[in-house]
Amino acid sequence: MTEHTLPAGVADALERGLAAMQLDAALAPPLLTYLTLLDRWNRTYNLTAIRDPLEMVTRHLLDSLAMQPFLETGNLADLGTGPGLPGIPLAIARPQLQVTLVESNGKKARFMREAVRQLGLGNARVAESRAEALAEPAAYDHLTARAMDTLAGIIRVGGHLLRPGGRLLAMKGVYPHDEIAQLPAGWSVEQVLPLSVPGLTGERHLVVVTGP
């Protein structure tokens, strides 16, 4: 079988993006290993609608890594993670962070198990489950969901996983005024932070929500 390789320019784009975000260049090799595997599996299993590996660098890898300054230690449940976004890039960038990749789709869960194995990510595990069915109440310091639902929707299906005093870190586009206004009772916004993602047009915000 011919070894699967990424198109020319992908590695350079990733290295430029990491430099622009002031991240360690040593992250590039494991991120490229993950991207190579994602690109190969995506051709057969349609794990993500983005087909171009160069676009994946910006919209998957760098976008996921934009939230790493706000996550250093503790444990994180990444809800509806799909093929492992943002959870796998975060696990690569933050080895002290314990990441649970929550995904009910079987083919995506199988892909992630293979990615975790190939990358040797001892700080990541796959939970093949719907978020609302994951029986790990109050087990997590952090929740995240990159493209899963509204803030209220994320809390409805995954709020039980968050320990008292924990935080939901939700990736959003424009400032989500309406979603913030519809937060359930007892939940409040700690801060909304604009994010800068190299090469990404449009607004990006990280909404930090604390629970009751």
N, C-alpha and C. Protein backbone atom coordinates (compact mmCIF):
# COMPACT_ATOMS: atom_id res chain seq x y z
N MET A 1 0.85 -1.19 0.00
CA MET A 1 0.00 0.00 0.00
C MET A 1 0.88 1.24 0.00
N THR A 2 0.59 2.18 -0.86
CA THR A 2 1.37 3.41 -0.94
C THR A 2 1.14 4.26 0.30
N GLU A 3 2.22 4.79 0.85
CA GLU A 3 2.10 5.63 2.05
C GLU A 3 1.32 6.90 1.71
N HIS A 4 0.38 7.23 2.59
CA HIS A 4 -0.44 8.42 2.37
C HIS A 4 0.36 9.65 2.79
N THR A 5 0.42 10.65 1.94
CA THR A 5 1.14 11.87 2.26
C THR A 5 0.23 13.07 2.03
N LEU A 6 0.55 14.15 2.72
CA LEU A 6 -0.20 15.38 2.58
C LEU A 6 0.33 16.20 1.41
N PRO A 7 -0.49 17.05 0.80
CA PRO A 7 -0.04 17.88 -0.31
C PRO A 7 1.08 18.84 0.12
N ALA A 8 1.83 19.28 -0.85
CA ALA A 8 2.90 20.24 -0.59
C ALA A 8 2.32 21.52 0.01
N GLY A 9 3.05 22.09 0.93
CA GLY A 9 2.64 23.35 1.53
C GLY A 9 1.88 23.22 2.83
N VAL A 10 1.36 22.03 3.13
CA VAL A 10 0.57 21.86 4.35
C VAL A 10 1.44 22.01 5.59
N ALA A 11 2.61 21.37 5.59
CA ALA A 11 3.50 21.46 6.75
C ALA A 11 3.96 22.90 6.97
N ASP A 12 4.29 23.60 5.88
CA ASP A 12 4.73 24.99 6.01
C ASP A 12 3.61 25.86 6.58
N ALA A 13 2.38 25.64 6.12
CA ALA A 13 1.25 26.43 6.61
C ALA A 13 1.03 26.20 8.10
N LEU A 14 1.17 24.94 8.53
CA LEU A 14 1.01 24.65 9.95
C LEU A 14 2.11 25.31 10.77
N GLU A 15 3.34 25.21 10.30
CA GLU A 15 4.46 25.81 11.04
C GLU A 15 4.33 27.32 11.14
N ARG A 16 3.86 27.97 10.07
CA ARG A 16 3.64 29.42 10.11
C ARG A 16 2.53 29.76 11.10
N GLY A 17 1.47 28.96 11.09
CA GLY A 17 0.37 29.20 12.02
C GLY A 17 0.79 29.03 13.46
N LEU A 18 1.55 27.99 13.76
CA LEU A 18 2.04 27.77 15.12
C LEU A 18 2.92 28.94 15.57
N ALA A 19 3.78 29.41 14.68
CA ALA A 19 4.65 30.54 15.00
C ALA A 19 3.83 31.80 15.28
N ALA A 20 2.80 32.04 14.47
CA ALA A 20 1.95 33.22 14.65
C ALA A 20 1.20 33.17 15.98
N MET A 21 0.90 31.96 16.44
CA MET A 21 0.19 31.79 17.71
C MET A 21 1.15 31.62 18.88
N GLN A 22 2.45 31.74 18.60
CA GLN A 22 3.51 31.61 19.60
C GLN A 22 3.46 30.25 20.30
N LEU A 23 3.23 29.22 19.49
CA LEU A 23 3.23 27.84 19.97
C LEU A 23 4.50 27.13 19.53
N ASP A 24 4.89 26.14 20.30
CA ASP A 24 6.12 25.40 20.08
C ASP A 24 6.10 24.69 18.73
N ALA A 25 7.15 24.88 17.94
CA ALA A 25 7.26 24.22 16.64
C ALA A 25 7.28 22.69 16.78
N ALA A 26 7.64 22.20 17.98
CA ALA A 26 7.67 20.74 18.21
C ALA A 26 6.28 20.12 18.14
N LEU A 27 5.23 20.94 18.18
CA LEU A 27 3.87 20.41 18.04
C LEU A 27 3.56 20.00 16.61
N ALA A 28 4.33 20.52 15.64
CA ALA A 28 4.01 20.26 14.24
C ALA A 28 4.02 18.78 13.86
N PRO A 29 5.06 18.00 14.22
CA PRO A 29 5.07 16.59 13.78
C PRO A 29 3.86 15.77 14.25
N PRO A 30 3.48 15.80 15.55
CA PRO A 30 2.29 15.02 15.93
C PRO A 30 1.00 15.57 15.31
N LEU A 31 0.90 16.88 15.14
CA LEU A 31 -0.29 17.44 14.50
C LEU A 31 -0.38 17.00 13.04
N LEU A 32 0.76 16.93 12.35
CA LEU A 32 0.77 16.47 10.97
C LEU A 32 0.45 14.98 10.87
N THR A 33 0.89 14.21 11.85
CA THR A 33 0.53 12.79 11.89
C THR A 33 -0.98 12.63 12.01
N TYR A 34 -1.57 13.41 12.91
CA TYR A 34 -3.03 13.39 13.07
C TYR A 34 -3.73 13.83 11.79
N LEU A 35 -3.24 14.89 11.17
CA LEU A 35 -3.87 15.40 9.96
C LEU A 35 -3.75 14.41 8.80
N THR A 36 -2.63 13.76 8.69
CA THR A 36 -2.44 12.74 7.65
C THR A 36 -3.44 11.60 7.82
N LEU A 37 -3.61 11.17 9.05
CA LEU A 37 -4.56 10.09 9.34
C LEU A 37 -5.99 10.55 9.07
N LEU A 38 -6.31 11.77 9.47
CA LEU A 38 -7.65 12.31 9.24
C LEU A 38 -7.94 12.42 7.74
N ASP A 39 -6.98 12.90 6.99
CA ASP A 39 -7.17 13.05 5.55
C ASP A 39 -7.38 11.68 4.89
N ARG A 40 -6.61 10.70 5.32
CA ARG A 40 -6.73 9.36 4.73
C ARG A 40 -8.08 8.73 5.05
N TRP A 41 -8.48 8.75 6.31
CA TRP A 41 -9.76 8.18 6.71
C TRP A 41 -10.92 8.95 6.10
N ASN A 42 -10.75 10.26 5.97
CA ASN A 42 -11.85 11.10 5.48
C ASN A 42 -12.22 10.74 4.05
N ARG A 43 -11.28 10.26 3.28
CA ARG A 43 -11.56 9.89 1.89
C ARG A 43 -12.52 8.71 1.80
N THR A 44 -12.54 7.89 2.83
CA THR A 44 -13.42 6.71 2.84
C THR A 44 -14.65 6.91 3.72
N TYR A 45 -14.46 7.54 4.87
CA TYR A 45 -15.52 7.54 5.88
C TYR A 45 -16.21 8.89 6.07
N ASN A 46 -15.79 9.92 5.33
CA ASN A 46 -16.44 11.23 5.42
C ASN A 46 -16.58 11.71 6.87
N LEU A 47 -15.46 11.85 7.53
CA LEU A 47 -15.45 12.26 8.93
C LEU A 47 -15.67 13.76 9.10
N THR A 48 -15.32 14.53 8.07
CA THR A 48 -15.48 15.98 8.12
C THR A 48 -15.81 16.48 6.72
N ALA A 49 -16.61 17.53 6.65
CA ALA A 49 -17.00 18.09 5.35
C ALA A 49 -15.84 18.83 4.68
N ILE A 50 -14.84 19.19 5.44
CA ILE A 50 -13.68 19.88 4.87
C ILE A 50 -12.77 18.83 4.24
N ARG A 51 -12.51 18.96 2.94
CA ARG A 51 -11.76 17.94 2.21
C ARG A 51 -10.30 18.34 1.96
N ASP A 52 -10.03 19.63 1.94
CA ASP A 52 -8.71 20.14 1.59
C ASP A 52 -7.82 20.18 2.83
N PRO A 53 -6.71 19.42 2.86
CA PRO A 53 -5.85 19.41 4.04
C PRO A 53 -5.31 20.80 4.40
N LEU A 54 -5.09 21.66 3.40
CA LEU A 54 -4.61 23.01 3.71
C LEU A 54 -5.67 23.79 4.48
N GLU A 55 -6.93 23.59 4.09
CA GLU A 55 -8.02 24.24 4.82
C GLU A 55 -8.19 23.62 6.21
N MET A 56 -7.92 22.32 6.32
CA MET A 56 -7.99 21.66 7.62
C MET A 56 -6.99 22.25 8.61
N VAL A 57 -5.82 22.68 8.11
CA VAL A 57 -4.82 23.29 8.99
C VAL A 57 -5.43 24.47 9.71
N THR A 58 -6.08 25.36 8.95
CA THR A 58 -6.65 26.56 9.55
C THR A 58 -7.91 26.27 10.33
N ARG A 59 -8.86 25.59 9.70
CA ARG A 59 -10.20 25.48 10.27
C ARG A 59 -10.34 24.36 11.30
N HIS A 60 -9.39 23.42 11.29
CA HIS A 60 -9.43 22.35 12.29
C HIS A 60 -8.30 22.50 13.32
N LEU A 61 -7.05 22.46 12.86
CA LEU A 61 -5.93 22.43 13.81
C LEU A 61 -5.74 23.77 14.53
N LEU A 62 -5.52 24.85 13.76
CA LEU A 62 -5.24 26.13 14.40
C LEU A 62 -6.46 26.66 15.16
N ASP A 63 -7.64 26.44 14.61
CA ASP A 63 -8.86 26.88 15.30
C ASP A 63 -8.99 26.16 16.64
N SER A 64 -8.72 24.86 16.66
CA SER A 64 -8.78 24.11 17.92
C SER A 64 -7.74 24.62 18.92
N LEU A 65 -6.54 24.89 18.43
CA LEU A 65 -5.46 25.31 19.32
C LEU A 65 -5.65 26.72 19.86
N ALA A 66 -6.56 27.50 19.26
CA ALA A 66 -6.77 28.87 19.73
C ALA A 66 -7.27 28.90 21.17
N MET A 67 -7.85 27.81 21.66
CA MET A 67 -8.35 27.81 23.02
C MET A 67 -7.38 27.22 24.03
N GLN A 68 -6.20 26.76 23.57
CA GLN A 68 -5.28 26.11 24.50
C GLN A 68 -4.73 27.03 25.60
N PRO A 69 -4.62 28.36 25.39
CA PRO A 69 -4.15 29.19 26.51
C PRO A 69 -5.06 29.14 27.73
N PHE A 70 -6.31 28.70 27.55
CA PHE A 70 -7.28 28.72 28.63
C PHE A 70 -7.46 27.35 29.27
N LEU A 71 -6.64 26.39 28.84
CA LEU A 71 -6.70 25.02 29.36
C LEU A 71 -5.28 24.54 29.59
N GLU A 72 -4.95 24.27 30.84
CA GLU A 72 -3.60 23.79 31.12
C GLU A 72 -3.60 22.42 31.78
N THR A 73 -4.38 22.29 32.85
CA THR A 73 -4.40 21.03 33.60
C THR A 73 -5.86 20.64 33.88
N GLY A 74 -6.02 19.60 34.68
CA GLY A 74 -7.35 19.11 35.00
C GLY A 74 -7.85 18.17 33.92
N ASN A 75 -9.16 17.96 33.89
CA ASN A 75 -9.72 17.07 32.88
C ASN A 75 -10.83 17.77 32.10
N LEU A 76 -10.90 17.41 30.84
CA LEU A 76 -11.78 18.06 29.87
C LEU A 76 -12.63 17.02 29.17
N ALA A 77 -13.94 17.25 29.09
CA ALA A 77 -14.81 16.44 28.24
C ALA A 77 -15.13 17.26 26.99
N ASP A 78 -14.74 16.73 25.85
CA ASP A 78 -14.98 17.38 24.56
C ASP A 78 -16.21 16.74 23.95
N LEU A 79 -17.33 17.47 23.99
CA LEU A 79 -18.63 16.90 23.61
C LEU A 79 -18.87 17.02 22.11
N GLY A 80 -19.38 15.94 21.51
CA GLY A 80 -19.64 15.94 20.09
C GLY A 80 -18.40 16.27 19.29
N THR A 81 -17.32 15.62 19.65
CA THR A 81 -15.99 15.97 19.14
C THR A 81 -15.77 15.59 17.67
N GLY A 82 -16.68 14.77 17.09
CA GLY A 82 -16.50 14.37 15.70
C GLY A 82 -15.25 13.52 15.54
N PRO A 83 -14.31 13.94 14.69
CA PRO A 83 -13.06 13.19 14.55
C PRO A 83 -11.98 13.61 15.55
N GLY A 84 -12.40 14.32 16.62
CA GLY A 84 -11.43 14.68 17.66
C GLY A 84 -11.06 16.14 17.70
N LEU A 85 -12.03 17.01 17.40
CA LEU A 85 -11.75 18.44 17.34
C LEU A 85 -12.66 19.20 18.30
N PRO A 86 -12.11 19.96 19.22
CA PRO A 86 -10.70 20.34 19.37
C PRO A 86 -9.88 19.40 20.26
N GLY A 87 -10.47 18.29 20.73
CA GLY A 87 -9.85 17.51 21.78
C GLY A 87 -8.48 16.95 21.48
N ILE A 88 -8.28 16.39 20.28
CA ILE A 88 -6.98 15.78 19.99
C ILE A 88 -5.88 16.83 19.85
N PRO A 89 -6.07 17.92 19.10
CA PRO A 89 -5.03 18.96 19.11
C PRO A 89 -4.74 19.51 20.51
N LEU A 90 -5.77 19.65 21.34
CA LEU A 90 -5.55 20.13 22.70
C LEU A 90 -4.77 19.11 23.52
N ALA A 91 -5.06 17.84 23.36
CA ALA A 91 -4.31 16.80 24.08
C ALA A 91 -2.85 16.78 23.66
N ILE A 92 -2.58 17.05 22.38
CA ILE A 92 -1.20 17.12 21.89
C ILE A 92 -0.50 18.32 22.50
N ALA A 93 -1.17 19.47 22.52
CA ALA A 93 -0.55 20.72 22.98
C ALA A 93 -0.45 20.80 24.50
N ARG A 94 -1.34 20.11 25.21
CA ARG A 94 -1.41 20.19 26.67
C ARG A 94 -1.30 18.80 27.28
N PRO A 95 -0.08 18.26 27.40
CA PRO A 95 0.06 16.89 27.92
C PRO A 95 -0.39 16.72 29.36
N GLN A 96 -0.50 17.82 30.12
CA GLN A 96 -0.98 17.72 31.51
C GLN A 96 -2.50 17.72 31.60
N LEU A 97 -3.16 17.92 30.47
CA LEU A 97 -4.63 17.95 30.42
C LEU A 97 -5.14 16.56 30.05
N GLN A 98 -6.08 16.05 30.83
CA GLN A 98 -6.70 14.75 30.54
C GLN A 98 -7.96 14.99 29.72
N VAL A 99 -8.02 14.43 28.52
CA VAL A 99 -9.09 14.73 27.58
C VAL A 99 -9.95 13.49 27.32
N THR A 100 -11.25 13.61 27.50
CA THR A 100 -12.20 12.57 27.12
C THR A 100 -12.94 13.03 25.87
N LEU A 101 -12.83 12.26 24.81
CA LEU A 101 -13.41 12.58 23.51
C LEU A 101 -14.77 11.90 23.41
N VAL A 102 -15.83 12.69 23.52
CA VAL A 102 -17.19 12.14 23.60
C VAL A 102 -17.84 12.23 22.23
N GLU A 103 -18.16 11.05 21.66
CA GLU A 103 -18.71 11.00 20.30
C GLU A 103 -19.52 9.72 20.14
N SER A 104 -20.77 9.86 19.68
CA SER A 104 -21.64 8.68 19.55
C SER A 104 -21.51 7.99 18.20
N ASN A 105 -20.95 8.68 17.19
CA ASN A 105 -20.83 8.10 15.85
C ASN A 105 -19.71 7.05 15.85
N GLY A 106 -20.07 5.82 15.49
CA GLY A 106 -19.12 4.71 15.58
C GLY A 106 -17.88 4.88 14.72
N LYS A 107 -18.03 5.32 13.47
CA LYS A 107 -16.86 5.43 12.60
C LYS A 107 -15.91 6.54 13.08
N LYS A 108 -16.49 7.61 13.63
CA LYS A 108 -15.64 8.68 14.17
C LYS A 108 -14.93 8.21 15.43
N ALA A 109 -15.62 7.45 16.26
CA ALA A 109 -15.00 6.91 17.48
C ALA A 109 -13.87 5.94 17.11
N ARG A 110 -14.08 5.12 16.10
CA ARG A 110 -13.03 4.18 15.67
C ARG A 110 -11.81 4.95 15.16
N PHE A 111 -12.07 6.00 14.38
CA PHE A 111 -10.96 6.82 13.90
C PHE A 111 -10.17 7.40 15.07
N MET A 112 -10.87 7.94 16.04
CA MET A 112 -10.17 8.58 17.17
C MET A 112 -9.36 7.57 17.98
N ARG A 113 -9.91 6.38 18.16
CA ARG A 113 -9.14 5.36 18.89
C ARG A 113 -7.83 5.05 18.16
N GLU A 114 -7.91 4.99 16.83
CA GLU A 114 -6.70 4.73 16.05
C GLU A 114 -5.74 5.92 16.14
N ALA A 115 -6.27 7.13 16.08
CA ALA A 115 -5.42 8.32 16.18
C ALA A 115 -4.73 8.39 17.54
N VAL A 116 -5.48 8.13 18.61
CA VAL A 116 -4.91 8.15 19.95
C VAL A 116 -3.81 7.09 20.07
N ARG A 117 -4.06 5.91 19.47
CA ARG A 117 -3.06 4.84 19.52
C ARG A 117 -1.80 5.23 18.75
N GLN A 118 -1.97 5.72 17.52
CA GLN A 118 -0.80 6.06 16.70
C GLN A 118 0.01 7.21 17.29
N LEU A 119 -0.69 8.15 17.91
CA LEU A 119 -0.01 9.31 18.50
C LEU A 119 0.55 9.02 19.89
N GLY A 120 0.17 7.90 20.47
CA GLY A 120 0.63 7.58 21.82
C GLY A 120 0.12 8.57 22.85
N LEU A 121 -1.12 9.02 22.68
CA LEU A 121 -1.69 10.04 23.57
C LEU A 121 -2.21 9.38 24.85
N GLY A 122 -1.37 9.31 25.84
CA GLY A 122 -1.77 8.72 27.11
C GLY A 122 -2.75 9.58 27.89
N ASN A 123 -2.91 10.83 27.47
CA ASN A 123 -3.83 11.74 28.18
C ASN A 123 -5.15 11.92 27.45
N ALA A 124 -5.47 11.02 26.52
CA ALA A 124 -6.75 11.10 25.80
C ALA A 124 -7.42 9.74 25.77
N ARG A 125 -8.73 9.75 25.89
CA ARG A 125 -9.51 8.51 25.78
C ARG A 125 -10.80 8.82 25.03
N VAL A 126 -11.36 7.80 24.40
CA VAL A 126 -12.57 7.95 23.62
C VAL A 126 -13.74 7.37 24.39
N ALA A 127 -14.82 8.16 24.53
CA ALA A 127 -16.06 7.67 25.11
C ALA A 127 -17.10 7.64 23.99
N GLU A 128 -17.39 6.45 23.49
CA GLU A 128 -18.35 6.31 22.39
C GLU A 128 -19.75 6.35 22.99
N SER A 129 -20.29 7.55 23.08
CA SER A 129 -21.55 7.76 23.79
C SER A 129 -22.13 9.10 23.40
N ARG A 130 -23.44 9.23 23.52
CA ARG A 130 -24.05 10.55 23.48
C ARG A 130 -23.71 11.26 24.79
N ALA A 131 -23.53 12.57 24.73
CA ALA A 131 -23.13 13.32 25.92
C ALA A 131 -24.11 13.12 27.06
N GLU A 132 -25.42 13.16 26.75
CA GLU A 132 -26.42 13.06 27.81
C GLU A 132 -26.46 11.67 28.45
N ALA A 133 -25.91 10.66 27.76
CA ALA A 133 -25.91 9.29 28.29
C ALA A 133 -24.61 8.94 29.02
N LEU A 134 -23.64 9.86 29.03
CA LEU A 134 -22.36 9.57 29.67
C LEU A 134 -22.53 9.65 31.19
N ALA A 135 -22.41 8.52 31.84
CA ALA A 135 -22.69 8.43 33.28
C ALA A 135 -21.44 8.75 34.10
N GLU A 136 -20.98 9.98 33.99
CA GLU A 136 -19.81 10.43 34.75
C GLU A 136 -20.14 11.79 35.37
N PRO A 137 -21.15 11.82 36.26
CA PRO A 137 -21.61 13.10 36.80
C PRO A 137 -20.54 13.82 37.61
N ALA A 138 -20.45 15.13 37.38
CA ALA A 138 -19.54 16.02 38.12
C ALA A 138 -18.09 15.54 38.06
N ALA A 139 -17.70 14.90 36.95
CA ALA A 139 -16.37 14.31 36.83
C ALA A 139 -15.35 15.23 36.17
N TYR A 140 -15.78 16.36 35.61
CA TYR A 140 -14.88 17.14 34.76
C TYR A 140 -14.72 18.58 35.25
N ASP A 141 -13.49 19.05 35.13
CA ASP A 141 -13.19 20.46 35.42
C ASP A 141 -13.64 21.37 34.30
N HIS A 142 -13.59 20.86 33.07
CA HIS A 142 -13.90 21.67 31.89
C HIS A 142 -14.75 20.86 30.92
N LEU A 143 -15.67 21.55 30.26
CA LEU A 143 -16.38 21.00 29.10
C LEU A 143 -16.05 21.89 27.92
N THR A 144 -16.03 21.30 26.74
CA THR A 144 -15.97 22.12 25.54
C THR A 144 -16.85 21.48 24.47
N ALA A 145 -17.27 22.32 23.55
CA ALA A 145 -18.03 21.86 22.39
C ALA A 145 -17.78 22.89 21.31
N ARG A 146 -17.21 22.45 20.22
CA ARG A 146 -16.75 23.40 19.20
C ARG A 146 -17.85 23.78 18.23
N ALA A 147 -18.68 22.85 17.87
CA ALA A 147 -19.72 23.15 16.87
C ALA A 147 -20.97 22.32 17.15
N MET A 148 -21.26 22.13 18.42
CA MET A 148 -22.27 21.14 18.77
C MET A 148 -23.69 21.71 18.84
N ASP A 149 -23.86 22.88 19.49
CA ASP A 149 -25.22 23.34 19.77
C ASP A 149 -25.13 24.76 20.31
N THR A 150 -26.29 25.30 20.70
CA THR A 150 -26.31 26.56 21.43
C THR A 150 -25.73 26.33 22.83
N LEU A 151 -25.44 27.42 23.53
CA LEU A 151 -24.93 27.28 24.90
C LEU A 151 -25.93 26.52 25.76
N ALA A 152 -27.22 26.88 25.66
CA ALA A 152 -28.24 26.18 26.46
C ALA A 152 -28.33 24.71 26.07
N GLY A 153 -28.18 24.42 24.77
CA GLY A 153 -28.22 23.03 24.31
C GLY A 153 -27.06 22.21 24.83
N ILE A 154 -25.87 22.82 24.84
CA ILE A 154 -24.69 22.12 25.37
C ILE A 154 -24.91 21.80 26.85
N ILE A 155 -25.40 22.78 27.60
CA ILE A 155 -25.63 22.58 29.03
C ILE A 155 -26.70 21.51 29.26
N ARG A 156 -27.72 21.49 28.42
CA ARG A 156 -28.81 20.52 28.58
C ARG A 156 -28.28 19.08 28.46
N VAL A 157 -27.39 18.85 27.50
CA VAL A 157 -26.93 17.47 27.29
C VAL A 157 -25.67 17.12 28.08
N GLY A 158 -24.87 18.15 28.45
CA GLY A 158 -23.59 17.83 29.09
C GLY A 158 -23.33 18.50 30.42
N GLY A 159 -24.27 19.34 30.87
CA GLY A 159 -24.03 20.07 32.11
C GLY A 159 -23.81 19.18 33.32
N HIS A 160 -24.41 17.99 33.31
CA HIS A 160 -24.26 17.07 34.45
C HIS A 160 -22.83 16.58 34.62
N LEU A 161 -22.02 16.70 33.58
CA LEU A 161 -20.64 16.20 33.62
C LEU A 161 -19.70 17.14 34.36
N LEU A 162 -20.12 18.40 34.53
CA LEU A 162 -19.24 19.43 35.06
C LEU A 162 -19.28 19.45 36.59
N ARG A 163 -18.12 19.47 37.19
CA ARG A 163 -18.05 19.55 38.66
C ARG A 163 -18.46 20.95 39.11
N PRO A 164 -18.88 21.10 40.37
CA PRO A 164 -19.17 22.44 40.89
C PRO A 164 -17.94 23.35 40.75
N GLY A 165 -18.16 24.53 40.21
CA GLY A 165 -17.05 25.45 39.99
C GLY A 165 -16.33 25.23 38.68
N GLY A 166 -16.75 24.22 37.90
CA GLY A 166 -16.12 23.97 36.61
C GLY A 166 -16.59 24.95 35.55
N ARG A 167 -16.01 24.84 34.37
CA ARG A 167 -16.29 25.82 33.31
C ARG A 167 -16.61 25.13 31.99
N LEU A 168 -17.57 25.70 31.30
CA LEU A 168 -17.83 25.35 29.91
C LEU A 168 -17.09 26.36 29.03
N LEU A 169 -16.28 25.87 28.10
CA LEU A 169 -15.58 26.73 27.16
C LEU A 169 -16.11 26.41 25.77
N ALA A 170 -16.93 27.30 25.24
CA ALA A 170 -17.63 27.05 23.98
C ALA A 170 -17.06 27.94 22.88
N MET A 171 -16.72 27.33 21.76
CA MET A 171 -16.22 28.05 20.60
C MET A 171 -17.41 28.56 19.78
N LYS A 172 -17.42 29.86 19.54
CA LYS A 172 -18.49 30.48 18.77
C LYS A 172 -17.90 31.41 17.71
N GLY A 173 -18.74 31.80 16.75
CA GLY A 173 -18.32 32.75 15.73
C GLY A 173 -18.50 34.17 16.25
N VAL A 174 -19.55 34.85 15.78
CA VAL A 174 -19.82 36.21 16.26
C VAL A 174 -20.24 36.15 17.73
N TYR A 175 -20.16 37.28 18.40
CA TYR A 175 -20.54 37.37 19.80
C TYR A 175 -21.98 36.87 19.97
N PRO A 176 -22.19 35.82 20.77
CA PRO A 176 -23.51 35.16 20.81
C PRO A 176 -24.47 35.79 21.82
N HIS A 177 -24.91 37.03 21.56
CA HIS A 177 -25.78 37.74 22.50
C HIS A 177 -27.03 36.93 22.83
N ASP A 178 -27.70 36.41 21.79
CA ASP A 178 -28.96 35.70 22.01
C ASP A 178 -28.76 34.44 22.84
N GLU A 179 -27.69 33.69 22.55
CA GLU A 179 -27.43 32.46 23.29
C GLU A 179 -27.14 32.75 24.75
N ILE A 180 -26.41 33.82 25.01
CA ILE A 180 -26.10 34.19 26.39
C ILE A 180 -27.37 34.56 27.15
N ALA A 181 -28.26 35.26 26.47
CA ALA A 181 -29.52 35.67 27.09
C ALA A 181 -30.40 34.47 27.45
N GLN A 182 -30.18 33.34 26.77
CA GLN A 182 -31.03 32.16 26.98
C GLN A 182 -30.36 31.10 27.86
N LEU A 183 -29.31 31.46 28.57
CA LEU A 183 -28.67 30.50 29.47
C LEU A 183 -29.64 30.06 30.56
N PRO A 184 -29.59 28.78 30.94
CA PRO A 184 -30.48 28.31 32.01
C PRO A 184 -30.17 29.01 33.34
N ALA A 185 -31.14 29.01 34.22
CA ALA A 185 -30.96 29.59 35.54
C ALA A 185 -29.78 28.94 36.26
N GLY A 186 -28.98 29.78 36.90
CA GLY A 186 -27.83 29.29 37.66
C GLY A 186 -26.53 29.28 36.87
N TRP A 187 -26.63 29.41 35.54
CA TRP A 187 -25.44 29.43 34.69
C TRP A 187 -25.15 30.88 34.29
N SER A 188 -23.88 31.26 34.29
CA SER A 188 -23.55 32.65 33.98
C SER A 188 -22.26 32.72 33.16
N VAL A 189 -22.14 33.77 32.38
CA VAL A 189 -20.95 33.99 31.56
C VAL A 189 -19.86 34.62 32.41
N GLU A 190 -18.72 33.97 32.46
CA GLU A 190 -17.56 34.50 33.17
C GLU A 190 -16.84 35.53 32.29
N GLN A 191 -16.66 35.19 31.02
CA GLN A 191 -16.05 36.11 30.07
C GLN A 191 -16.28 35.62 28.65
N VAL A 192 -16.20 36.55 27.71
CA VAL A 192 -16.25 36.23 26.28
C VAL A 192 -14.98 36.81 25.67
N LEU A 193 -14.17 35.95 25.10
CA LEU A 193 -12.84 36.33 24.64
C LEU A 193 -12.74 36.23 23.13
N PRO A 194 -12.38 37.32 22.45
CA PRO A 194 -12.13 37.22 21.01
C PRO A 194 -10.87 36.40 20.76
N LEU A 195 -10.93 35.53 19.77
CA LEU A 195 -9.80 34.67 19.43
C LEU A 195 -9.24 35.07 18.07
N SER A 196 -7.95 34.92 17.93
CA SER A 196 -7.30 35.18 16.65
C SER A 196 -6.76 33.86 16.11
N VAL A 197 -7.25 33.46 14.96
CA VAL A 197 -6.82 32.22 14.32
C VAL A 197 -6.15 32.57 13.00
N PRO A 198 -4.86 32.32 12.85
CA PRO A 198 -4.16 32.68 11.60
C PRO A 198 -4.85 32.08 10.37
N GLY A 199 -5.15 32.95 9.41
CA GLY A 199 -5.73 32.49 8.15
C GLY A 199 -7.24 32.37 8.16
N LEU A 200 -7.87 32.54 9.32
CA LEU A 200 -9.32 32.37 9.40
C LEU A 200 -10.00 33.73 9.30
N THR A 201 -10.91 33.85 8.34
CA THR A 201 -11.67 35.09 8.20
C THR A 201 -12.92 35.01 9.06
N GLY A 202 -13.45 36.15 9.43
CA GLY A 202 -14.63 36.18 10.27
C GLY A 202 -14.27 36.18 11.75
N GLU A 203 -15.27 36.46 12.56
CA GLU A 203 -15.06 36.54 14.01
C GLU A 203 -15.01 35.15 14.65
N ARG A 204 -14.31 35.09 15.78
CA ARG A 204 -14.24 33.86 16.56
C ARG A 204 -14.18 34.27 18.02
N HIS A 205 -15.01 33.65 18.84
CA HIS A 205 -15.04 33.97 20.26
C HIS A 205 -15.04 32.69 21.09
N LEU A 206 -14.43 32.79 22.26
CA LEU A 206 -14.50 31.73 23.26
C LEU A 206 -15.39 32.23 24.40
N VAL A 207 -16.49 31.52 24.64
CA VAL A 207 -17.42 31.89 25.70
C VAL A 207 -17.17 30.98 26.89
N VAL A 208 -16.84 31.59 28.02
CA VAL A 208 -16.56 30.83 29.24
C VAL A 208 -17.76 30.96 30.17
N VAL A 209 -18.39 29.82 30.47
CA VAL A 209 -19.62 29.79 31.26
C VAL A 209 -19.37 28.98 32.51
N THR A 210 -19.82 29.48 33.64
CA THR A 210 -19.71 28.73 34.90
C THR A 210 -21.09 28.25 35.33
N GLY A 211 -21.08 27.11 36.00
CA GLY A 211 -22.34 26.48 36.38
C GLY A 211 -22.77 26.84 37.78
N PRO A 212 -23.91 26.31 38.18
CA PRO A 212 -24.44 26.59 39.53
C PRO A 212 -23.61 25.93 40.62
